[in-house]
Amino acid sequence: LTPLKHWVKTLTFDNGREFSWHEKLAENLDCNTYFAKPYHSWERGLNENHNGLLRQFFPKRMALDNVSEKEAFRATDLMNNRPRKCLGYKTPFEVFAKMTGKDYFLNGSVALMG
């Protein structure tokens, strides 16, 4: 996200150990970080919607250890190029490219949320 730090205002994390580096990330991106309250998924509606979209590719009980990098990149690419009602039926990639002026392939490593 460093090349896009101008556009990053906040990051919200779950309470997992994998986010123990949040302070360093906030410093590098010069943004605020927040943690969701446990068992308050309604406070993160966009995130929950995104998780639901991901489950179309990876069912809830599927062991993600078995998902290849190629499969993960493909799912991310399909999600980034899926029109969304909340974006005026544009894709997250189209909105990102117009907003930032950056029209490059993200290598499937970033899921743009819309």
PDB file of N, CA and C in Angstrom:
ATOM      1  N   LEU A   1       0.801  -1.213   0.000  1.00  0.00           N
ATOM      2  CA  LEU A   1       0.000   0.000   0.000  1.00  0.00           C
ATOM      3  C   LEU A   1       0.839   1.270   0.000  1.00  0.00           C
ATOM      4  N   THR A   2       2.117   1.144   0.253  1.00  0.00           N
ATOM      5  CA  THR A   2       2.954   2.338   0.351  1.00  0.00           C
ATOM      6  C   THR A   2       2.861   3.251  -0.870  1.00  0.00           C
ATOM      7  N   PRO A   3       2.867   2.733  -2.105  1.00  0.00           N
ATOM      8  CA  PRO A   3       2.741   3.641  -3.252  1.00  0.00           C
ATOM      9  C   PRO A   3       1.402   4.385  -3.284  1.00  0.00           C
ATOM     10  N   LEU A   4       0.437   3.898  -2.539  1.00  0.00           N
ATOM     11  CA  LEU A   4      -0.902   4.500  -2.528  1.00  0.00           C
ATOM     12  C   LEU A   4      -1.197   5.213  -1.215  1.00  0.00           C
ATOM     13  N   LYS A   5      -0.183   5.475  -0.415  1.00  0.00           N
ATOM     14  CA  LYS A   5      -0.413   5.995   0.926  1.00  0.00           C
ATOM     15  C   LYS A   5      -1.182   7.309   0.938  1.00  0.00           C
ATOM     16  N   HIS A   6      -1.098   8.092  -0.113  1.00  0.00           N
ATOM     17  CA  HIS A   6      -1.858   9.342  -0.187  1.00  0.00           C
ATOM     18  C   HIS A   6      -3.363   9.073  -0.108  1.00  0.00           C
ATOM     19  N   TRP A   7      -3.787   7.919  -0.591  1.00  0.00           N
ATOM     20  CA  TRP A   7      -5.211   7.586  -0.650  1.00  0.00           C
ATOM     21  C   TRP A   7      -5.697   6.831   0.578  1.00  0.00           C
ATOM     22  N   VAL A   8      -4.781   6.284   1.367  1.00  0.00           N
ATOM     23  CA  VAL A   8      -5.170   5.501   2.546  1.00  0.00           C
ATOM     24  C   VAL A   8      -5.386   6.451   3.715  1.00  0.00           C
ATOM     25  N   LYS A   9      -6.603   6.463   4.233  1.00  0.00           N
ATOM     26  CA  LYS A   9      -6.933   7.340   5.365  1.00  0.00           C
ATOM     27  C   LYS A   9      -7.006   6.559   6.671  1.00  0.00           C
ATOM     28  N   THR A  10      -7.655   5.402   6.636  1.00  0.00           N
ATOM     29  CA  THR A  10      -7.786   4.564   7.826  1.00  0.00           C
ATOM     30  C   THR A  10      -7.725   3.097   7.423  1.00  0.00           C
ATOM     31  N   LEU A  11      -7.364   2.263   8.380  1.00  0.00           N
ATOM     32  CA  LEU A  11      -7.415   0.812   8.225  1.00  0.00           C
ATOM     33  C   LEU A  11      -8.102   0.248   9.458  1.00  0.00           C
ATOM     34  N   THR A  12      -9.008  -0.680   9.263  1.00  0.00           N
ATOM     35  CA  THR A  12      -9.696  -1.327  10.376  1.00  0.00           C
ATOM     36  C   THR A  12      -9.369  -2.810  10.343  1.00  0.00           C
ATOM     37  N   PHE A  13      -8.959  -3.322  11.489  1.00  0.00           N
ATOM     38  CA  PHE A  13      -8.528  -4.709  11.593  1.00  0.00           C
ATOM     39  C   PHE A  13      -9.465  -5.507  12.479  1.00  0.00           C
ATOM     40  N   ASP A  14      -9.435  -6.827  12.278  1.00  0.00           N
ATOM     41  CA  ASP A  14     -10.022  -7.737  13.251  1.00  0.00           C
ATOM     42  C   ASP A  14      -9.033  -7.805  14.403  1.00  0.00           C
ATOM     43  N   ASN A  15      -9.346  -8.579  15.401  1.00  0.00           N
ATOM     44  CA  ASN A  15      -8.506  -8.632  16.592  1.00  0.00           C
ATOM     45  C   ASN A  15      -7.532  -9.805  16.604  1.00  0.00           C
ATOM     46  N   GLY A  16      -7.171 -10.293  15.442  1.00  0.00           N
ATOM     47  CA  GLY A  16      -6.258 -11.428  15.354  1.00  0.00           C
ATOM     48  C   GLY A  16      -4.804 -11.040  15.578  1.00  0.00           C
ATOM     49  N   ARG A  17      -4.004 -12.038  15.942  1.00  0.00           N
ATOM     50  CA  ARG A  17      -2.570 -11.818  16.180  1.00  0.00           C
ATOM     51  C   ARG A  17      -1.844 -11.339  14.934  1.00  0.00           C
ATOM     52  N   GLU A  18      -2.408 -11.663  13.765  1.00  0.00           N
ATOM     53  CA  GLU A  18      -1.733 -11.294  12.515  1.00  0.00           C
ATOM     54  C   GLU A  18      -1.654  -9.783  12.311  1.00  0.00           C
ATOM     55  N   PHE A  19      -2.354  -9.022  13.141  1.00  0.00           N
ATOM     56  CA  PHE A  19      -2.321  -7.565  13.003  1.00  0.00           C
ATOM     57  C   PHE A  19      -1.502  -6.898  14.107  1.00  0.00           C
ATOM     58  N   SER A  20      -0.613  -7.650  14.722  1.00  0.00           N
ATOM     59  CA  SER A  20       0.206  -7.090  15.796  1.00  0.00           C
ATOM     60  C   SER A  20       1.147  -5.997  15.295  1.00  0.00           C
ATOM     61  N   TRP A  21       1.368  -5.918  14.000  1.00  0.00           N
ATOM     62  CA  TRP A  21       2.256  -4.924  13.385  1.00  0.00           C
ATOM     63  C   TRP A  21       1.506  -3.653  12.974  1.00  0.00           C
ATOM     64  N   HIS A  22       0.293  -3.475  13.485  1.00  0.00           N
ATOM     65  CA  HIS A  22      -0.540  -2.350  13.042  1.00  0.00           C
ATOM     66  C   HIS A  22       0.111  -0.988  13.268  1.00  0.00           C
ATOM     67  N   GLU A  23       0.874  -0.824  14.348  1.00  0.00           N
ATOM     68  CA  GLU A  23       1.490   0.479  14.616  1.00  0.00           C
ATOM     69  C   GLU A  23       2.526   0.832  13.548  1.00  0.00           C
ATOM     70  N   LYS A  24       3.319  -0.137  13.149  1.00  0.00           N
ATOM     71  CA  LYS A  24       4.326   0.090  12.103  1.00  0.00           C
ATOM     72  C   LYS A  24       3.640   0.409  10.777  1.00  0.00           C
ATOM     73  N   LEU A  25       2.578  -0.303  10.471  1.00  0.00           N
ATOM     74  CA  LEU A  25       1.826  -0.055   9.244  1.00  0.00           C
ATOM     75  C   LEU A  25       1.235   1.353   9.254  1.00  0.00           C
ATOM     76  N   ALA A  26       0.648   1.744  10.371  1.00  0.00           N
ATOM     77  CA  ALA A  26       0.068   3.086  10.485  1.00  0.00           C
ATOM     78  C   ALA A  26       1.141   4.156  10.307  1.00  0.00           C
ATOM     79  N   GLU A  27       2.303   3.910  10.858  1.00  0.00           N
ATOM     80  CA  GLU A  27       3.417   4.857  10.721  1.00  0.00           C
ATOM     81  C   GLU A  27       3.875   4.952   9.264  1.00  0.00           C
ATOM     82  N   ASN A  28       4.039   3.815   8.610  1.00  0.00           N
ATOM     83  CA  ASN A  28       4.498   3.805   7.215  1.00  0.00           C
ATOM     84  C   ASN A  28       3.500   4.465   6.271  1.00  0.00           C
ATOM     85  N   LEU A  29       2.213   4.291   6.558  1.00  0.00           N
ATOM     86  CA  LEU A  29       1.181   4.839   5.675  1.00  0.00           C
ATOM     87  C   LEU A  29       0.658   6.194   6.144  1.00  0.00           C
ATOM     88  N   ASP A  30       1.098   6.630   7.324  1.00  0.00           N
ATOM     89  CA  ASP A  30       0.627   7.888   7.900  1.00  0.00           C
ATOM     90  C   ASP A  30      -0.906   7.915   7.942  1.00  0.00           C
ATOM     91  N   CYS A  31      -1.469   6.867   8.547  1.00  0.00           N
ATOM     92  CA  CYS A  31      -2.927   6.780   8.655  1.00  0.00           C
ATOM     93  C   CYS A  31      -3.305   6.278  10.046  1.00  0.00           C
ATOM     94  N   ASN A  32      -4.573   6.387  10.358  1.00  0.00           N
ATOM     95  CA  ASN A  32      -5.091   5.872  11.618  1.00  0.00           C
ATOM     96  C   ASN A  32      -5.504   4.419  11.442  1.00  0.00           C
ATOM     97  N   THR A  33      -5.302   3.630  12.494  1.00  0.00           N
ATOM     98  CA  THR A  33      -5.754   2.245  12.470  1.00  0.00           C
ATOM     99  C   THR A  33      -6.755   2.036  13.595  1.00  0.00           C
ATOM    100  N   TYR A  34      -7.690   1.155  13.343  1.00  0.00           N
ATOM    101  CA  TYR A  34      -8.735   0.855  14.315  1.00  0.00           C
ATOM    102  C   TYR A  34      -8.915  -0.650  14.394  1.00  0.00           C
ATOM    103  N   PHE A  35      -9.414  -1.098  15.527  1.00  0.00           N
ATOM    104  CA  PHE A  35      -9.751  -2.506  15.692  1.00  0.00           C
ATOM    105  C   PHE A  35     -11.245  -2.623  15.901  1.00  0.00           C
ATOM    106  N   ALA A  36     -11.834  -3.577  15.215  1.00  0.00           N
ATOM    107  CA  ALA A  36     -13.262  -3.829  15.360  1.00  0.00           C
ATOM    108  C   ALA A  36     -13.518  -4.445  16.731  1.00  0.00           C
ATOM    109  N   LYS A  37     -14.659  -4.142  17.292  1.00  0.00           N
ATOM    110  CA  LYS A  37     -15.044  -4.761  18.557  1.00  0.00           C
ATOM    111  C   LYS A  37     -15.368  -6.233  18.291  1.00  0.00           C
ATOM    112  N   PRO A  38     -14.899  -7.105  19.170  1.00  0.00           N
ATOM    113  CA  PRO A  38     -15.220  -8.523  18.981  1.00  0.00           C
ATOM    114  C   PRO A  38     -16.733  -8.748  18.973  1.00  0.00           C
ATOM    115  N   TYR A  39     -17.183  -9.587  18.072  1.00  0.00           N
ATOM    116  CA  TYR A  39     -18.599  -9.972  17.950  1.00  0.00           C
ATOM    117  C   TYR A  39     -19.514  -8.804  17.594  1.00  0.00           C
ATOM    118  N   HIS A  40     -18.982  -7.785  16.932  1.00  0.00           N
ATOM    119  CA  HIS A  40     -19.765  -6.634  16.467  1.00  0.00           C
ATOM    120  C   HIS A  40     -19.617  -6.497  14.950  1.00  0.00           C
ATOM    121  N   SER A  41     -19.892  -7.564  14.237  1.00  0.00           N
ATOM    122  CA  SER A  41     -19.669  -7.573  12.791  1.00  0.00           C
ATOM    123  C   SER A  41     -20.500  -6.518  12.067  1.00  0.00           C
ATOM    124  N   TRP A  42     -21.636  -6.115  12.621  1.00  0.00           N
ATOM    125  CA  TRP A  42     -22.475  -5.100  11.974  1.00  0.00           C
ATOM    126  C   TRP A  42     -21.785  -3.744  11.918  1.00  0.00           C
ATOM    127  N   GLU A  43     -20.758  -3.536  12.709  1.00  0.00           N
ATOM    128  CA  GLU A  43     -20.010  -2.279  12.658  1.00  0.00           C
ATOM    129  C   GLU A  43     -19.064  -2.232  11.456  1.00  0.00           C
ATOM    130  N   ARG A  44     -18.883  -3.368  10.808  1.00  0.00           N
ATOM    131  CA  ARG A  44     -17.989  -3.455   9.657  1.00  0.00           C
ATOM    132  C   ARG A  44     -18.752  -4.043   8.474  1.00  0.00           C
ATOM    133  N   GLY A  45     -19.833  -3.414   8.105  1.00  0.00           N
ATOM    134  CA  GLY A  45     -20.708  -3.938   7.060  1.00  0.00           C
ATOM    135  C   GLY A  45     -20.003  -4.181   5.742  1.00  0.00           C
ATOM    136  N   LEU A  46     -19.174  -3.243   5.319  1.00  0.00           N
ATOM    137  CA  LEU A  46     -18.461  -3.393   4.052  1.00  0.00           C
ATOM    138  C   LEU A  46     -17.539  -4.612   4.087  1.00  0.00           C
ATOM    139  N   ASN A  47     -16.853  -4.778   5.206  1.00  0.00           N
ATOM    140  CA  ASN A  47     -15.961  -5.922   5.365  1.00  0.00           C
ATOM    141  C   ASN A  47     -16.736  -7.233   5.332  1.00  0.00           C
ATOM    142  N   GLU A  48     -17.872  -7.277   6.009  1.00  0.00           N
ATOM    143  CA  GLU A  48     -18.680  -8.497   6.031  1.00  0.00           C
ATOM    144  C   GLU A  48     -19.233  -8.813   4.645  1.00  0.00           C
ATOM    145  N   ASN A  49     -19.634  -7.780   3.909  1.00  0.00           N
ATOM    146  CA  ASN A  49     -20.108  -7.979   2.539  1.00  0.00           C
ATOM    147  C   ASN A  49     -18.981  -8.565   1.686  1.00  0.00           C
ATOM    148  N   HIS A  50     -17.812  -8.014   1.843  1.00  0.00           N
ATOM    149  CA  HIS A  50     -16.642  -8.483   1.098  1.00  0.00           C
ATOM    150  C   HIS A  50     -16.340  -9.941   1.431  1.00  0.00           C
ATOM    151  N   ASN A  51     -16.430 -10.294   2.711  1.00  0.00           N
ATOM    152  CA  ASN A  51     -16.209 -11.686   3.109  1.00  0.00           C
ATOM    153  C   ASN A  51     -17.229 -12.609   2.447  1.00  0.00           C
ATOM    154  N   GLY A  52     -18.476 -12.141   2.345  1.00  0.00           N
ATOM    155  CA  GLY A  52     -19.505 -12.929   1.674  1.00  0.00           C
ATOM    156  C   GLY A  52     -19.172 -13.161   0.212  1.00  0.00           C
ATOM    157  N   LEU A  53     -18.639 -12.133  -0.453  1.00  0.00           N
ATOM    158  CA  LEU A  53     -18.230 -12.290  -1.848  1.00  0.00           C
ATOM    159  C   LEU A  53     -17.080 -13.287  -1.968  1.00  0.00           C
ATOM    160  N   LEU A  54     -16.146 -13.230  -1.040  1.00  0.00           N
ATOM    161  CA  LEU A  54     -15.023 -14.174  -1.056  1.00  0.00           C
ATOM    162  C   LEU A  54     -15.494 -15.612  -0.888  1.00  0.00           C
ATOM    163  N   ARG A  55     -16.570 -15.790  -0.123  1.00  0.00           N
ATOM    164  CA  ARG A  55     -17.077 -17.148   0.115  1.00  0.00           C
ATOM    165  C   ARG A  55     -17.659 -17.772  -1.146  1.00  0.00           C
ATOM    166  N   GLN A  56     -17.924 -16.968  -2.159  1.00  0.00           N
ATOM    167  CA  GLN A  56     -18.350 -17.545  -3.430  1.00  0.00           C
ATOM    168  C   GLN A  56     -17.207 -18.359  -4.047  1.00  0.00           C
ATOM    169  N   PHE A  57     -15.998 -17.996  -3.703  1.00  0.00           N
ATOM    170  CA  PHE A  57     -14.816 -18.701  -4.208  1.00  0.00           C
ATOM    171  C   PHE A  57     -14.279 -19.711  -3.194  1.00  0.00           C
ATOM    172  N   PHE A  58     -14.356 -19.338  -1.929  1.00  0.00           N
ATOM    173  CA  PHE A  58     -13.797 -20.153  -0.854  1.00  0.00           C
ATOM    174  C   PHE A  58     -14.849 -20.315   0.241  1.00  0.00           C
ATOM    175  N   PRO A  59     -15.587 -21.426   0.236  1.00  0.00           N
ATOM    176  CA  PRO A  59     -16.642 -21.629   1.235  1.00  0.00           C
ATOM    177  C   PRO A  59     -16.125 -21.481   2.663  1.00  0.00           C
ATOM    178  N   LYS A  60     -17.016 -21.105   3.562  1.00  0.00           N
ATOM    179  CA  LYS A  60     -16.660 -20.757   4.932  1.00  0.00           C
ATOM    180  C   LYS A  60     -15.798 -21.812   5.637  1.00  0.00           C
ATOM    181  N   ARG A  61     -16.101 -23.071   5.472  1.00  0.00           N
ATOM    182  CA  ARG A  61     -15.362 -24.111   6.188  1.00  0.00           C
ATOM    183  C   ARG A  61     -14.149 -24.639   5.406  1.00  0.00           C
ATOM    184  N   MET A  62     -13.861 -24.017   4.296  1.00  0.00           N
ATOM    185  CA  MET A  62     -12.723 -24.452   3.473  1.00  0.00           C
ATOM    186  C   MET A  62     -11.409 -24.056   4.151  1.00  0.00           C
ATOM    187  N   ALA A  63     -10.475 -24.978   4.198  1.00  0.00           N
ATOM    188  CA  ALA A  63      -9.156 -24.688   4.774  1.00  0.00           C
ATOM    189  C   ALA A  63      -8.378 -23.826   3.783  1.00  0.00           C
ATOM    190  N   LEU A  64      -8.115 -22.589   4.161  1.00  0.00           N
ATOM    191  CA  LEU A  64      -7.430 -21.670   3.252  1.00  0.00           C
ATOM    192  C   LEU A  64      -5.976 -22.064   3.019  1.00  0.00           C
ATOM    193  N   ASP A  65      -5.456 -22.944   3.854  1.00  0.00           N
ATOM    194  CA  ASP A  65      -4.099 -23.457   3.636  1.00  0.00           C
ATOM    195  C   ASP A  65      -4.001 -24.190   2.302  1.00  0.00           C
ATOM    196  N   ASN A  66      -5.141 -24.689   1.821  1.00  0.00           N
ATOM    197  CA  ASN A  66      -5.159 -25.456   0.576  1.00  0.00           C
ATOM    198  C   ASN A  66      -5.384 -24.591  -0.659  1.00  0.00           C
ATOM    199  N   VAL A  67      -5.554 -23.285  -0.473  1.00  0.00           N
ATOM    200  CA  VAL A  67      -5.782 -22.371  -1.598  1.00  0.00           C
ATOM    201  C   VAL A  67      -4.431 -21.929  -2.149  1.00  0.00           C
ATOM    202  N   SER A  68      -4.233 -22.129  -3.425  1.00  0.00           N
ATOM    203  CA  SER A  68      -2.964 -21.726  -4.036  1.00  0.00           C
ATOM    204  C   SER A  68      -2.938 -20.209  -4.238  1.00  0.00           C
ATOM    205  N   GLU A  69      -1.751 -19.684  -4.392  1.00  0.00           N
ATOM    206  CA  GLU A  69      -1.594 -18.253  -4.658  1.00  0.00           C
ATOM    207  C   GLU A  69      -2.316 -17.884  -5.953  1.00  0.00           C
ATOM    208  N   LYS A  70      -2.227 -18.749  -6.941  1.00  0.00           N
ATOM    209  CA  LYS A  70      -2.891 -18.511  -8.220  1.00  0.00           C
ATOM    210  C   LYS A  70      -4.407 -18.418  -8.040  1.00  0.00           C
ATOM    211  N   GLU A  71      -4.984 -19.313  -7.232  1.00  0.00           N
ATOM    212  CA  GLU A  71      -6.430 -19.281  -6.976  1.00  0.00           C
ATOM    213  C   GLU A  71      -6.827 -18.001  -6.244  1.00  0.00           C
ATOM    214  N   ALA A  72      -6.024 -17.594  -5.270  1.00  0.00           N
ATOM    215  CA  ALA A  72      -6.318 -16.376  -4.513  1.00  0.00           C
ATOM    216  C   ALA A  72      -6.247 -15.150  -5.422  1.00  0.00           C
ATOM    217  N   PHE A  73      -5.232 -15.077  -6.279  1.00  0.00           N
ATOM    218  CA  PHE A  73      -5.110 -13.949  -7.206  1.00  0.00           C
ATOM    219  C   PHE A  73      -6.275 -13.914  -8.188  1.00  0.00           C
ATOM    220  N   ARG A  74      -6.697 -15.079  -8.650  1.00  0.00           N
ATOM    221  CA  ARG A  74      -7.823 -15.138  -9.592  1.00  0.00           C
ATOM    222  C   ARG A  74      -9.103 -14.624  -8.934  1.00  0.00           C
ATOM    223  N   ALA A  75      -9.372 -15.056  -7.711  1.00  0.00           N
ATOM    224  CA  ALA A  75     -10.568 -14.597  -6.998  1.00  0.00           C
ATOM    225  C   ALA A  75     -10.519 -13.087  -6.791  1.00  0.00           C
ATOM    226  N   THR A  76      -9.363 -12.574  -6.406  1.00  0.00           N
ATOM    227  CA  THR A  76      -9.206 -11.133  -6.196  1.00  0.00           C
ATOM    228  C   THR A  76      -9.417 -10.366  -7.492  1.00  0.00           C
ATOM    229  N   ASP A  77      -8.866 -10.872  -8.579  1.00  0.00           N
ATOM    230  CA  ASP A  77      -9.036 -10.222  -9.875  1.00  0.00           C
ATOM    231  C   ASP A  77     -10.507 -10.205 -10.286  1.00  0.00           C
ATOM    232  N   LEU A  78     -11.193 -11.323 -10.108  1.00  0.00           N
ATOM    233  CA  LEU A  78     -12.616 -11.376 -10.452  1.00  0.00           C
ATOM    234  C   LEU A  78     -13.428 -10.402  -9.597  1.00  0.00           C
ATOM    235  N   MET A  79     -13.092 -10.297  -8.319  1.00  0.00           N
ATOM    236  CA  MET A  79     -13.814  -9.369  -7.438  1.00  0.00           C
ATOM    237  C   MET A  79     -13.535  -7.918  -7.818  1.00  0.00           C
ATOM    238  N   ASN A  80     -12.290  -7.606  -8.163  1.00  0.00           N
ATOM    239  CA  ASN A  80     -11.943  -6.233  -8.535  1.00  0.00           C
ATOM    240  C   ASN A  80     -12.573  -5.815  -9.858  1.00  0.00           C
ATOM    241  N   ASN A  81     -12.964  -6.778 -10.668  1.00  0.00           N
ATOM    242  CA  ASN A  81     -13.554  -6.470 -11.972  1.00  0.00           C
ATOM    243  C   ASN A  81     -15.046  -6.791 -12.033  1.00  0.00           C
ATOM    244  N   ARG A  82     -15.667  -6.897 -10.892  1.00  0.00           N
ATOM    245  CA  ARG A  82     -17.106  -7.174 -10.790  1.00  0.00           C
ATOM    246  C   ARG A  82     -17.851  -5.865 -10.532  1.00  0.00           C
ATOM    247  N   PRO A  83     -18.774  -5.485 -11.404  1.00  0.00           N
ATOM    248  CA  PRO A  83     -19.526  -4.238 -11.184  1.00  0.00           C
ATOM    249  C   PRO A  83     -20.292  -4.280  -9.857  1.00  0.00           C
ATOM    250  N   ARG A  84     -20.338  -3.130  -9.193  1.00  0.00           N
ATOM    251  CA  ARG A  84     -21.026  -3.021  -7.898  1.00  0.00           C
ATOM    252  C   ARG A  84     -22.073  -1.920  -7.970  1.00  0.00           C
ATOM    253  N   LYS A  85     -23.235  -2.222  -7.452  1.00  0.00           N
ATOM    254  CA  LYS A  85     -24.326  -1.255  -7.425  1.00  0.00           C
ATOM    255  C   LYS A  85     -23.893   0.025  -6.694  1.00  0.00           C
ATOM    256  N   CYS A  86     -23.206  -0.143  -5.553  1.00  0.00           N
ATOM    257  CA  CYS A  86     -22.801   1.014  -4.744  1.00  0.00           C
ATOM    258  C   CYS A  86     -21.780   1.902  -5.456  1.00  0.00           C
ATOM    259  N   LEU A  87     -21.201   1.414  -6.544  1.00  0.00           N
ATOM    260  CA  LEU A  87     -20.240   2.198  -7.328  1.00  0.00           C
ATOM    261  C   LEU A  87     -20.842   2.633  -8.657  1.00  0.00           C
ATOM    262  N   GLY A  88     -22.167   2.668  -8.713  1.00  0.00           N
ATOM    263  CA  GLY A  88     -22.829   3.066  -9.950  1.00  0.00           C
ATOM    264  C   GLY A  88     -22.605   2.049 -11.060  1.00  0.00           C
ATOM    265  N   TYR A  89     -22.530   0.790 -10.672  1.00  0.00           N
ATOM    266  CA  TYR A  89     -22.311  -0.333 -11.598  1.00  0.00           C
ATOM    267  C   TYR A  89     -20.963  -0.268 -12.315  1.00  0.00           C
ATOM    268  N   LYS A  90     -20.022   0.444 -11.703  1.00  0.00           N
ATOM    269  CA  LYS A  90     -18.636   0.393 -12.160  1.00  0.00           C
ATOM    270  C   LYS A  90     -17.930  -0.674 -11.324  1.00  0.00           C
ATOM    271  N   THR A  91     -16.779  -1.088 -11.785  1.00  0.00           N
ATOM    272  CA  THR A  91     -15.998  -2.059 -11.015  1.00  0.00           C
ATOM    273  C   THR A  91     -15.091  -1.317 -10.034  1.00  0.00           C
ATOM    274  N   PRO A  92     -14.693  -1.967  -8.936  1.00  0.00           N
ATOM    275  CA  PRO A  92     -13.728  -1.336  -8.036  1.00  0.00           C
ATOM    276  C   PRO A  92     -12.453  -0.921  -8.771  1.00  0.00           C
ATOM    277  N   PHE A  93     -12.008  -1.725  -9.722  1.00  0.00           N
ATOM    278  CA  PHE A  93     -10.804  -1.382 -10.482  1.00  0.00           C
ATOM    279  C   PHE A  93     -11.007  -0.103 -11.292  1.00  0.00           C
ATOM    280  N   GLU A  94     -12.169   0.051 -11.935  1.00  0.00           N
ATOM    281  CA  GLU A  94     -12.446   1.263 -12.722  1.00  0.00           C
ATOM    282  C   GLU A  94     -12.450   2.500 -11.827  1.00  0.00           C
ATOM    283  N   VAL A  95     -13.085   2.390 -10.665  1.00  0.00           N
ATOM    284  CA  VAL A  95     -13.151   3.526  -9.738  1.00  0.00           C
ATOM    285  C   VAL A  95     -11.759   3.859  -9.219  1.00  0.00           C
ATOM    286  N   PHE A  96     -10.990   2.839  -8.873  1.00  0.00           N
ATOM    287  CA  PHE A  96      -9.622   3.035  -8.400  1.00  0.00           C
ATOM    288  C   PHE A  96      -8.780   3.749  -9.453  1.00  0.00           C
ATOM    289  N   ALA A  97      -8.844   3.271 -10.688  1.00  0.00           N
ATOM    290  CA  ALA A  97      -8.045   3.853 -11.773  1.00  0.00           C
ATOM    291  C   ALA A  97      -8.424   5.308 -12.010  1.00  0.00           C
ATOM    292  N   LYS A  98      -9.718   5.613 -11.993  1.00  0.00           N
ATOM    293  CA  LYS A  98     -10.158   6.990 -12.227  1.00  0.00           C
ATOM    294  C   LYS A  98      -9.767   7.899 -11.062  1.00  0.00           C
ATOM    295  N   MET A  99      -9.940   7.408  -9.842  1.00  0.00           N
ATOM    296  CA  MET A  99      -9.663   8.214  -8.658  1.00  0.00           C
ATOM    297  C   MET A  99      -8.173   8.515  -8.508  1.00  0.00           C
ATOM    298  N   THR A 100      -7.337   7.531  -8.771  1.00  0.00           N
ATOM    299  CA  THR A 100      -5.904   7.690  -8.530  1.00  0.00           C
ATOM    300  C   THR A 100      -5.118   8.066  -9.774  1.00  0.00           C
ATOM    301  N   GLY A 101      -5.725   7.878 -10.944  1.00  0.00           N
ATOM    302  CA  GLY A 101      -4.997   8.108 -12.182  1.00  0.00           C
ATOM    303  C   GLY A 101      -4.020   6.991 -12.482  1.00  0.00           C
ATOM    304  N   LYS A 102      -4.084   5.926 -11.699  1.00  0.00           N
ATOM    305  CA  LYS A 102      -3.189   4.780 -11.890  1.00  0.00           C
ATOM    306  C   LYS A 102      -3.975   3.672 -12.572  1.00  0.00           C
ATOM    307  N   ASP A 103      -3.574   3.357 -13.766  1.00  0.00           N
ATOM    308  CA  ASP A 103      -4.254   2.320 -14.536  1.00  0.00           C
ATOM    309  C   ASP A 103      -3.286   1.166 -14.744  1.00  0.00           C
ATOM    310  N   TYR A 104      -2.964   0.499 -13.663  1.00  0.00           N
ATOM    311  CA  TYR A 104      -2.050  -0.625 -13.772  1.00  0.00           C
ATOM    312  C   TYR A 104      -2.652  -1.847 -13.089  1.00  0.00           C
ATOM    313  N   PHE A 105      -2.178  -2.992 -13.511  1.00  0.00           N
ATOM    314  CA  PHE A 105      -2.656  -4.250 -12.960  1.00  0.00           C
ATOM    315  C   PHE A 105      -2.072  -4.425 -11.569  1.00  0.00           C
ATOM    316  N   LEU A 106      -2.918  -4.753 -10.609  1.00  0.00           N
ATOM    317  CA  LEU A 106      -2.479  -4.859  -9.222  1.00  0.00           C
ATOM    318  C   LEU A 106      -1.928  -6.232  -8.861  1.00  0.00           C
ATOM    319  N   ASN A 107      -1.725  -7.090  -9.840  1.00  0.00           N
ATOM    320  CA  ASN A 107      -1.183  -8.428  -9.593  1.00  0.00           C
ATOM    321  C   ASN A 107      -2.088  -9.273  -8.720  1.00  0.00           C
ATOM    322  N   GLY A 108      -3.343  -8.874  -8.585  1.00  0.00           N
ATOM    323  CA  GLY A 108      -4.263  -9.663  -7.788  1.00  0.00           C
ATOM    324  C   GLY A 108      -3.955  -9.654  -6.312  1.00  0.00           C
ATOM    325  N   SER A 109      -3.031  -8.812  -5.876  1.00  0.00           N
ATOM    326  CA  SER A 109      -2.626  -8.846  -4.483  1.00  0.00           C
ATOM    327  C   SER A 109      -3.449  -7.931  -3.595  1.00  0.00           C
ATOM    328  N   VAL A 110      -4.310  -7.140  -4.180  1.00  0.00           N
ATOM    329  CA  VAL A 110      -5.125  -6.211  -3.401  1.00  0.00           C
ATOM    330  C   VAL A 110      -6.574  -6.381  -3.799  1.00  0.00           C
ATOM    331  N   ALA A 111      -7.431  -6.545  -2.823  1.00  0.00           N
ATOM    332  CA  ALA A 111      -8.867  -6.596  -3.100  1.00  0.00           C
ATOM    333  C   ALA A 111      -9.430  -5.205  -2.846  1.00  0.00           C
ATOM    334  N   LEU A 112      -9.801  -4.528  -3.898  1.00  0.00           N
ATOM    335  CA  LEU A 112     -10.390  -3.200  -3.775  1.00  0.00           C
ATOM    336  C   LEU A 112     -11.823  -3.369  -3.311  1.00  0.00           C
ATOM    337  N   MET A 113     -12.209  -2.632  -2.295  1.00  0.00           N
ATOM    338  CA  MET A 113     -13.556  -2.804  -1.759  1.00  0.00           C
ATOM    339  C   MET A 113     -14.452  -1.688  -2.240  1.00  0.00           C
ATOM    340  N   GLY A 114     -15.668  -2.033  -2.546  1.00  0.00           N
ATOM    341  CA  GLY A 114     -16.611  -1.035  -3.024  1.00  0.00           C
ATOM    342  C   GLY A 114     -17.984  -1.311  -2.547  1.00  0.00           C
TER     343      GLY A 114
END
